[in-house]
């Protein structure tokens, strides 16, 4: 399983995609939607999660694209 991908906002209003534990952003985007799509592509490739942070920095959503620790029951 690869690194989880975090989508976070910069002080200039752009959005980062950053691998968990990395000091530098993997990519920078003008919109959160663009950053989320890039993070999703990376997470699918690495079988990891996307963690989306809101403008306030708090986690607002998570999406799993790999080994889901809490799969749906059914």
PDB file of N, CA and C in Angstrom:
ATOM      1  N   UNK A   1       0.843  -1.175   0.000  1.00  0.00           N
ATOM      2  CA  UNK A   1       0.000   0.000   0.000  1.00  0.00           C
ATOM      3  C   UNK A   1       0.890   1.241   0.000  1.00  0.00           C
ATOM      4  N   UNK A   2       0.541   2.224  -0.829  1.00  0.00           N
ATOM      5  CA  UNK A   2       1.321   3.452  -0.953  1.00  0.00           C
ATOM      6  C   UNK A   2       0.943   4.474   0.105  1.00  0.00           C
ATOM      7  N   UNK A   3       1.485   5.657  -0.061  1.00  0.00           N
ATOM      8  CA  UNK A   3       1.224   6.749   0.874  1.00  0.00           C
ATOM      9  C   UNK A   3      -0.162   7.338   0.648  1.00  0.00           C
ATOM     10  N   UNK A   4      -0.841   7.652   1.733  1.00  0.00           N
ATOM     11  CA  UNK A   4      -2.109   8.364   1.633  1.00  0.00           C
ATOM     12  C   UNK A   4      -1.844   9.749   1.064  1.00  0.00           C
ATOM     13  N   UNK A   5      -2.785  10.255   0.276  1.00  0.00           N
ATOM     14  CA  UNK A   5      -2.652  11.545  -0.379  1.00  0.00           C
ATOM     15  C   UNK A   5      -3.549  12.570   0.307  1.00  0.00           C
ATOM     16  N   UNK A   6      -2.961  13.685   0.729  1.00  0.00           N
ATOM     17  CA  UNK A   6      -3.701  14.739   1.408  1.00  0.00           C
ATOM     18  C   UNK A   6      -3.924  15.904   0.452  1.00  0.00           C
ATOM     19  N   UNK A   7      -5.156  16.421   0.427  1.00  0.00           N
ATOM     20  CA  UNK A   7      -5.497  17.617  -0.339  1.00  0.00           C
ATOM     21  C   UNK A   7      -5.655  18.750   0.670  1.00  0.00           C
ATOM     22  N   UNK A   8      -4.769  19.753   0.583  1.00  0.00           N
ATOM     23  CA  UNK A   8      -4.768  20.857   1.541  1.00  0.00           C
ATOM     24  C   UNK A   8      -4.680  22.193   0.815  1.00  0.00           C
ATOM     25  N   UNK A   9      -5.135  23.245   1.491  1.00  0.00           N
ATOM     26  CA  UNK A   9      -5.139  24.581   0.890  1.00  0.00           C
ATOM     27  C   UNK A   9      -3.891  25.355   1.312  1.00  0.00           C
ATOM     28  N   UNK A  10      -3.327  26.089   0.371  1.00  0.00           N
ATOM     29  CA  UNK A  10      -2.197  26.983   0.630  1.00  0.00           C
ATOM     30  C   UNK A  10      -2.714  28.358   1.025  1.00  0.00           C
ATOM     31  N   UNK A  11      -1.855  29.156   1.610  1.00  0.00           N
ATOM     32  CA  UNK A  11      -2.240  30.509   2.023  1.00  0.00           C
ATOM     33  C   UNK A  11      -2.578  31.404   0.829  1.00  0.00           C
ATOM     34  N   UNK A  12      -2.074  31.076  -0.361  1.00  0.00           N
ATOM     35  CA  UNK A  12      -2.383  31.875  -1.554  1.00  0.00           C
ATOM     36  C   UNK A  12      -3.656  31.428  -2.266  1.00  0.00           C
ATOM     37  N   UNK A  13      -4.355  30.444  -1.692  1.00  0.00           N
ATOM     38  CA  UNK A  13      -5.615  29.977  -2.264  1.00  0.00           C
ATOM     39  C   UNK A  13      -5.494  28.793  -3.205  1.00  0.00           C
ATOM     40  N   UNK A  14      -4.276  28.363  -3.517  1.00  0.00           N
ATOM     41  CA  UNK A  14      -4.101  27.170  -4.345  1.00  0.00           C
ATOM     42  C   UNK A  14      -4.231  25.931  -3.473  1.00  0.00           C
ATOM     43  N   UNK A  15      -4.310  24.779  -4.118  1.00  0.00           N
ATOM     44  CA  UNK A  15      -4.507  23.509  -3.409  1.00  0.00           C
ATOM     45  C   UNK A  15      -3.371  22.543  -3.706  1.00  0.00           C
ATOM     46  N   UNK A  16      -2.851  21.896  -2.648  1.00  0.00           N
ATOM     47  CA  UNK A  16      -1.771  20.918  -2.754  1.00  0.00           C
ATOM     48  C   UNK A  16      -2.301  19.500  -2.754  1.00  0.00           C
ATOM     49  N   UNK A  17      -1.572  18.635  -3.435  1.00  0.00           N
ATOM     50  CA  UNK A  17      -1.671  17.192  -3.225  1.00  0.00           C
ATOM     51  C   UNK A  17      -0.322  16.806  -2.647  1.00  0.00           C
ATOM     52  N   UNK A  18      -0.360  16.203  -1.457  1.00  0.00           N
ATOM     53  CA  UNK A  18       0.892  15.867  -0.774  1.00  0.00           C
ATOM     54  C   UNK A  18       0.803  14.457  -0.216  1.00  0.00           C
ATOM     55  N   UNK A  19       1.799  13.645  -0.520  1.00  0.00           N
ATOM     56  CA  UNK A  19       1.875  12.303   0.045  1.00  0.00           C
ATOM     57  C   UNK A  19       2.129  12.390   1.535  1.00  0.00           C
ATOM     58  N   UNK A  20       1.492  11.501   2.299  1.00  0.00           N
ATOM     59  CA  UNK A  20       1.633  11.517   3.755  1.00  0.00           C
ATOM     60  C   UNK A  20       3.099  11.413   4.154  1.00  0.00           C
ATOM     61  N   UNK A  21       3.541  12.339   4.997  1.00  0.00           N
ATOM     62  CA  UNK A  21       4.908  12.351   5.473  1.00  0.00           C
ATOM     63  C   UNK A  21       5.869  13.119   4.585  1.00  0.00           C
ATOM     64  N   UNK A  22       5.438  13.518   3.395  1.00  0.00           N
ATOM     65  CA  UNK A  22       6.308  14.286   2.500  1.00  0.00           C
ATOM     66  C   UNK A  22       6.351  15.748   2.930  1.00  0.00           C
ATOM     67  N   UNK A  23       7.499  16.391   2.740  1.00  0.00           N
ATOM     68  CA  UNK A  23       7.614  17.805   3.086  1.00  0.00           C
ATOM     69  C   UNK A  23       7.193  18.705   1.931  1.00  0.00           C
ATOM     70  N   UNK A  24       7.273  18.197   0.709  1.00  0.00           N
ATOM     71  CA  UNK A  24       6.905  18.992  -0.469  1.00  0.00           C
ATOM     72  C   UNK A  24       5.651  18.416  -1.135  1.00  0.00           C
ATOM     73  N   UNK A  25       4.901  19.314  -1.770  1.00  0.00           N
ATOM     74  CA  UNK A  25       3.698  18.895  -2.484  1.00  0.00           C
ATOM     75  C   UNK A  25       4.067  18.112  -3.744  1.00  0.00           C
ATOM     76  N   UNK A  26       3.261  17.111  -4.053  1.00  0.00           N
ATOM     77  CA  UNK A  26       3.417  16.362  -5.295  1.00  0.00           C
ATOM     78  C   UNK A  26       2.970  17.222  -6.465  1.00  0.00           C
ATOM     79  N   UNK A  27       1.864  17.967  -6.255  1.00  0.00           N
ATOM     80  CA  UNK A  27       1.350  18.864  -7.286  1.00  0.00           C
ATOM     81  C   UNK A  27       0.553  19.986  -6.629  1.00  0.00           C
ATOM     82  N   UNK A  28       0.422  21.109  -7.350  1.00  0.00           N
ATOM     83  CA  UNK A  28      -0.303  22.283  -6.884  1.00  0.00           C
ATOM     84  C   UNK A  28      -1.349  22.633  -7.933  1.00  0.00           C
ATOM     85  N   UNK A  29      -2.575  22.935  -7.474  1.00  0.00           N
ATOM     86  CA  UNK A  29      -3.698  23.184  -8.380  1.00  0.00           C
ATOM     87  C   UNK A  29      -4.443  24.456  -7.998  1.00  0.00           C
ATOM     88  N   UNK A  30      -5.116  25.041  -8.978  1.00  0.00           N
ATOM     89  CA  UNK A  30      -5.855  26.277  -8.713  1.00  0.00           C
ATOM     90  C   UNK A  30      -7.187  26.022  -8.027  1.00  0.00           C
ATOM     91  N   UNK A  31      -7.741  24.804  -8.161  1.00  0.00           N
ATOM     92  CA  UNK A  31      -9.009  24.489  -7.500  1.00  0.00           C
ATOM     93  C   UNK A  31      -8.882  23.205  -6.683  1.00  0.00           C
ATOM     94  N   UNK A  32      -9.748  23.101  -5.677  1.00  0.00           N
ATOM     95  CA  UNK A  32      -9.767  21.893  -4.858  1.00  0.00           C
ATOM     96  C   UNK A  32     -10.200  20.697  -5.701  1.00  0.00           C
ATOM     97  N   UNK A  33     -11.121  20.908  -6.619  1.00  0.00           N
ATOM     98  CA  UNK A  33     -11.611  19.815  -7.465  1.00  0.00           C
ATOM     99  C   UNK A  33     -10.477  19.206  -8.287  1.00  0.00           C
ATOM    100  N   UNK A  34      -9.625  20.058  -8.877  1.00  0.00           N
ATOM    101  CA  UNK A  34      -8.485  19.560  -9.648  1.00  0.00           C
ATOM    102  C   UNK A  34      -7.526  18.771  -8.753  1.00  0.00           C
ATOM    103  N   UNK A  35      -7.282  19.293  -7.561  1.00  0.00           N
ATOM    104  CA  UNK A  35      -6.379  18.614  -6.629  1.00  0.00           C
ATOM    105  C   UNK A  35      -6.950  17.268  -6.205  1.00  0.00           C
ATOM    106  N   UNK A  36      -8.262  17.221  -5.954  1.00  0.00           N
ATOM    107  CA  UNK A  36      -8.902  15.962  -5.565  1.00  0.00           C
ATOM    108  C   UNK A  36      -8.771  14.918  -6.670  1.00  0.00           C
ATOM    109  N   UNK A  37      -8.943  15.316  -7.928  1.00  0.00           N
ATOM    110  CA  UNK A  37      -8.847  14.365  -9.038  1.00  0.00           C
ATOM    111  C   UNK A  37      -7.435  13.805  -9.151  1.00  0.00           C
ATOM    112  N   UNK A  38      -6.435  14.675  -9.010  1.00  0.00           N
ATOM    113  CA  UNK A  38      -5.036  14.220  -9.071  1.00  0.00           C
ATOM    114  C   UNK A  38      -4.724  13.283  -7.909  1.00  0.00           C
ATOM    115  N   UNK A  39      -5.190  13.646  -6.714  1.00  0.00           N
ATOM    116  CA  UNK A  39      -4.977  12.794  -5.540  1.00  0.00           C
ATOM    117  C   UNK A  39      -5.637  11.438  -5.738  1.00  0.00           C
ATOM    118  N   UNK A  40      -6.829  11.430  -6.329  1.00  0.00           N
ATOM    119  CA  UNK A  40      -7.544  10.175  -6.590  1.00  0.00           C
ATOM    120  C   UNK A  40      -6.747   9.304  -7.558  1.00  0.00           C
ATOM    121  N   UNK A  41      -6.220   9.899  -8.626  1.00  0.00           N
ATOM    122  CA  UNK A  41      -5.421   9.141  -9.598  1.00  0.00           C
ATOM    123  C   UNK A  41      -4.209   8.491  -8.929  1.00  0.00           C
ATOM    124  N   UNK A  42      -3.524   9.252  -8.081  1.00  0.00           N
ATOM    125  CA  UNK A  42      -2.351   8.729  -7.373  1.00  0.00           C
ATOM    126  C   UNK A  42      -2.772   7.619  -6.413  1.00  0.00           C
ATOM    127  N   UNK A  43      -3.860   7.849  -5.661  1.00  0.00           N
ATOM    128  CA  UNK A  43      -4.317   6.860  -4.676  1.00  0.00           C
ATOM    129  C   UNK A  43      -4.747   5.558  -5.339  1.00  0.00           C
ATOM    130  N   UNK A  44      -5.398   5.641  -6.485  1.00  0.00           N
ATOM    131  CA  UNK A  44      -5.785   4.423  -7.217  1.00  0.00           C
ATOM    132  C   UNK A  44      -4.532   3.657  -7.612  1.00  0.00           C
ATOM    133  N   UNK A  45      -3.540   4.361  -8.128  1.00  0.00           N
ATOM    134  CA  UNK A  45      -2.293   3.740  -8.554  1.00  0.00           C
ATOM    135  C   UNK A  45      -1.550   3.105  -7.377  1.00  0.00           C
ATOM    136  N   UNK A  46      -1.578   3.767  -6.226  1.00  0.00           N
ATOM    137  CA  UNK A  46      -0.833   3.280  -5.065  1.00  0.00           C
ATOM    138  C   UNK A  46      -1.679   2.464  -4.090  1.00  0.00           C
ATOM    139  N   UNK A  47      -2.970   2.305  -4.406  1.00  0.00           N
ATOM    140  CA  UNK A  47      -3.889   1.573  -3.529  1.00  0.00           C
ATOM    141  C   UNK A  47      -3.867   2.173  -2.114  1.00  0.00           C
ATOM    142  N   UNK A  48      -4.159   3.462  -2.046  1.00  0.00           N
ATOM    143  CA  UNK A  48      -4.122   4.178  -0.774  1.00  0.00           C
ATOM    144  C   UNK A  48      -5.385   5.021  -0.609  1.00  0.00           C
ATOM    145  N   UNK A  49      -5.351   5.980   0.308  1.00  0.00           N
ATOM    146  CA  UNK A  49      -6.511   6.823   0.590  1.00  0.00           C
ATOM    147  C   UNK A  49      -6.265   8.258   0.186  1.00  0.00           C
ATOM    148  N   UNK A  50      -7.368   8.973  -0.085  1.00  0.00           N
ATOM    149  CA  UNK A  50      -7.336  10.418  -0.277  1.00  0.00           C
ATOM    150  C   UNK A  50      -7.973  11.032   0.958  1.00  0.00           C
ATOM    151  N   UNK A  51      -7.272  11.968   1.579  1.00  0.00           N
ATOM    152  CA  UNK A  51      -7.796  12.686   2.739  1.00  0.00           C
ATOM    153  C   UNK A  51      -7.956  14.142   2.324  1.00  0.00           C
ATOM    154  N   UNK A  52      -9.198  14.615   2.328  1.00  0.00           N
ATOM    155  CA  UNK A  52      -9.508  15.966   1.862  1.00  0.00           C
ATOM    156  C   UNK A  52      -9.698  16.877   3.068  1.00  0.00           C
ATOM    157  N   UNK A  53      -8.913  17.945   3.097  1.00  0.00           N
ATOM    158  CA  UNK A  53      -8.994  18.933   4.162  1.00  0.00           C
ATOM    159  C   UNK A  53      -9.782  20.139   3.658  1.00  0.00           C
ATOM    160  N   UNK A  54     -10.596  20.705   4.517  1.00  0.00           N
ATOM    161  CA  UNK A  54     -11.345  21.906   4.179  1.00  0.00           C
ATOM    162  C   UNK A  54     -10.460  23.138   4.268  1.00  0.00           C
ATOM    163  N   UNK A  55     -11.048  24.305   3.984  1.00  0.00           N
ATOM    164  CA  UNK A  55     -10.329  25.574   4.042  1.00  0.00           C
ATOM    165  C   UNK A  55      -9.730  25.800   5.435  1.00  0.00           C
ATOM    166  N   UNK A  56     -10.419  25.304   6.464  1.00  0.00           N
ATOM    167  CA  UNK A  56      -9.950  25.475   7.846  1.00  0.00           C
ATOM    168  C   UNK A  56      -8.860  24.477   8.236  1.00  0.00           C
ATOM    169  N   UNK A  57      -8.505  23.552   7.336  1.00  0.00           N
ATOM    170  CA  UNK A  57      -7.459  22.578   7.604  1.00  0.00           C
ATOM    171  C   UNK A  57      -7.950  21.280   8.213  1.00  0.00           C
ATOM    172  N   UNK A  58      -9.209  21.261   8.665  1.00  0.00           N
ATOM    173  CA  UNK A  58      -9.764  20.046   9.270  1.00  0.00           C
ATOM    174  C   UNK A  58     -10.146  19.047   8.180  1.00  0.00           C
ATOM    175  N   UNK A  59     -10.014  17.765   8.510  1.00  0.00           N
ATOM    176  CA  UNK A  59     -10.395  16.712   7.578  1.00  0.00           C
ATOM    177  C   UNK A  59     -11.901  16.759   7.370  1.00  0.00           C
ATOM    178  N   UNK A  60     -12.324  16.810   6.097  1.00  0.00           N
ATOM    179  CA  UNK A  60     -13.756  16.837   5.821  1.00  0.00           C
ATOM    180  C   UNK A  60     -14.240  15.592   5.088  1.00  0.00           C
ATOM    181  N   UNK A  61     -13.309  14.839   4.490  1.00  0.00           N
ATOM    182  CA  UNK A  61     -13.713  13.609   3.800  1.00  0.00           C
ATOM    183  C   UNK A  61     -12.499  12.703   3.592  1.00  0.00           C
ATOM    184  N   UNK A  62     -12.790  11.397   3.467  1.00  0.00           N
ATOM    185  CA  UNK A  62     -11.764  10.400   3.143  1.00  0.00           C
ATOM    186  C   UNK A  62     -12.355   9.450   2.117  1.00  0.00           C
ATOM    187  N   UNK A  63     -11.529   9.049   1.167  1.00  0.00           N
ATOM    188  CA  UNK A  63     -11.924   8.055   0.177  1.00  0.00           C
ATOM    189  C   UNK A  63     -10.819   7.022   0.078  1.00  0.00           C
ATOM    190  N   UNK A  64     -11.196   5.751   0.118  1.00  0.00           N
ATOM    191  CA  UNK A  64     -10.229   4.670   0.061  1.00  0.00           C
ATOM    192  C   UNK A  64     -10.214   4.051  -1.338  1.00  0.00           C
ATOM    193  N   UNK A  65      -9.022   3.859  -1.879  1.00  0.00           N
ATOM    194  CA  UNK A  65      -8.866   3.256  -3.203  1.00  0.00           C
ATOM    195  C   UNK A  65      -7.950   2.041  -3.144  1.00  0.00           C
ATOM    196  N   UNK A  66      -7.889   1.420  -1.992  1.00  0.00           N
ATOM    197  CA  UNK A  66      -7.027   0.254  -1.848  1.00  0.00           C
ATOM    198  C   UNK A  66      -7.624  -0.726  -0.881  1.00  0.00           C
ATOM    199  N   UNK A  67      -6.832  -1.131   0.064  1.00  0.00           N
ATOM    200  CA  UNK A  67      -7.239  -2.090   1.072  1.00  0.00           C
ATOM    201  C   UNK A  67      -8.018  -1.340   2.155  1.00  0.00           C
ATOM    202  N   UNK A  68      -9.327  -1.260   1.998  1.00  0.00           N
ATOM    203  CA  UNK A  68     -10.189  -0.507   2.917  1.00  0.00           C
ATOM    204  C   UNK A  68     -10.222  -1.202   4.280  1.00  0.00           C
ATOM    205  N   UNK A  69      -9.778  -0.503   5.341  1.00  0.00           N
ATOM    206  CA  UNK A  69      -9.797  -1.113   6.670  1.00  0.00           C
ATOM    207  C   UNK A  69     -11.211  -1.304   7.219  1.00  0.00           C
ATOM    208  N   UNK A  70     -12.191  -0.611   6.647  1.00  0.00           N
ATOM    209  CA  UNK A  70     -13.581  -0.716   7.085  1.00  0.00           C
ATOM    210  C   UNK A  70     -14.504  -0.891   5.874  1.00  0.00           C
ATOM    211  N   UNK A  71     -14.431  -2.040   5.206  1.00  0.00           N
ATOM    212  CA  UNK A  71     -15.263  -2.233   4.023  1.00  0.00           C
ATOM    213  C   UNK A  71     -16.749  -2.265   4.383  1.00  0.00           C
ATOM    214  N   UNK A  72     -17.595  -1.901   3.419  1.00  0.00           N
ATOM    215  CA  UNK A  72     -19.037  -1.938   3.689  1.00  0.00           C
ATOM    216  C   UNK A  72     -19.510  -3.361   3.948  1.00  0.00           C
ATOM    217  N   UNK A  73     -20.473  -3.503   4.842  1.00  0.00           N
ATOM    218  CA  UNK A  73     -21.041  -4.818   5.140  1.00  0.00           C
ATOM    219  C   UNK A  73     -22.239  -5.037   4.228  1.00  0.00           C
ATOM    220  N   UNK A  74     -22.375  -6.226   3.767  1.00  0.00           N
ATOM    221  CA  UNK A  74     -23.532  -6.436   2.915  1.00  0.00           C
ATOM    222  C   UNK A  74     -23.597  -7.790   2.456  1.00  0.00           C
TER     223      UNK A  74
END
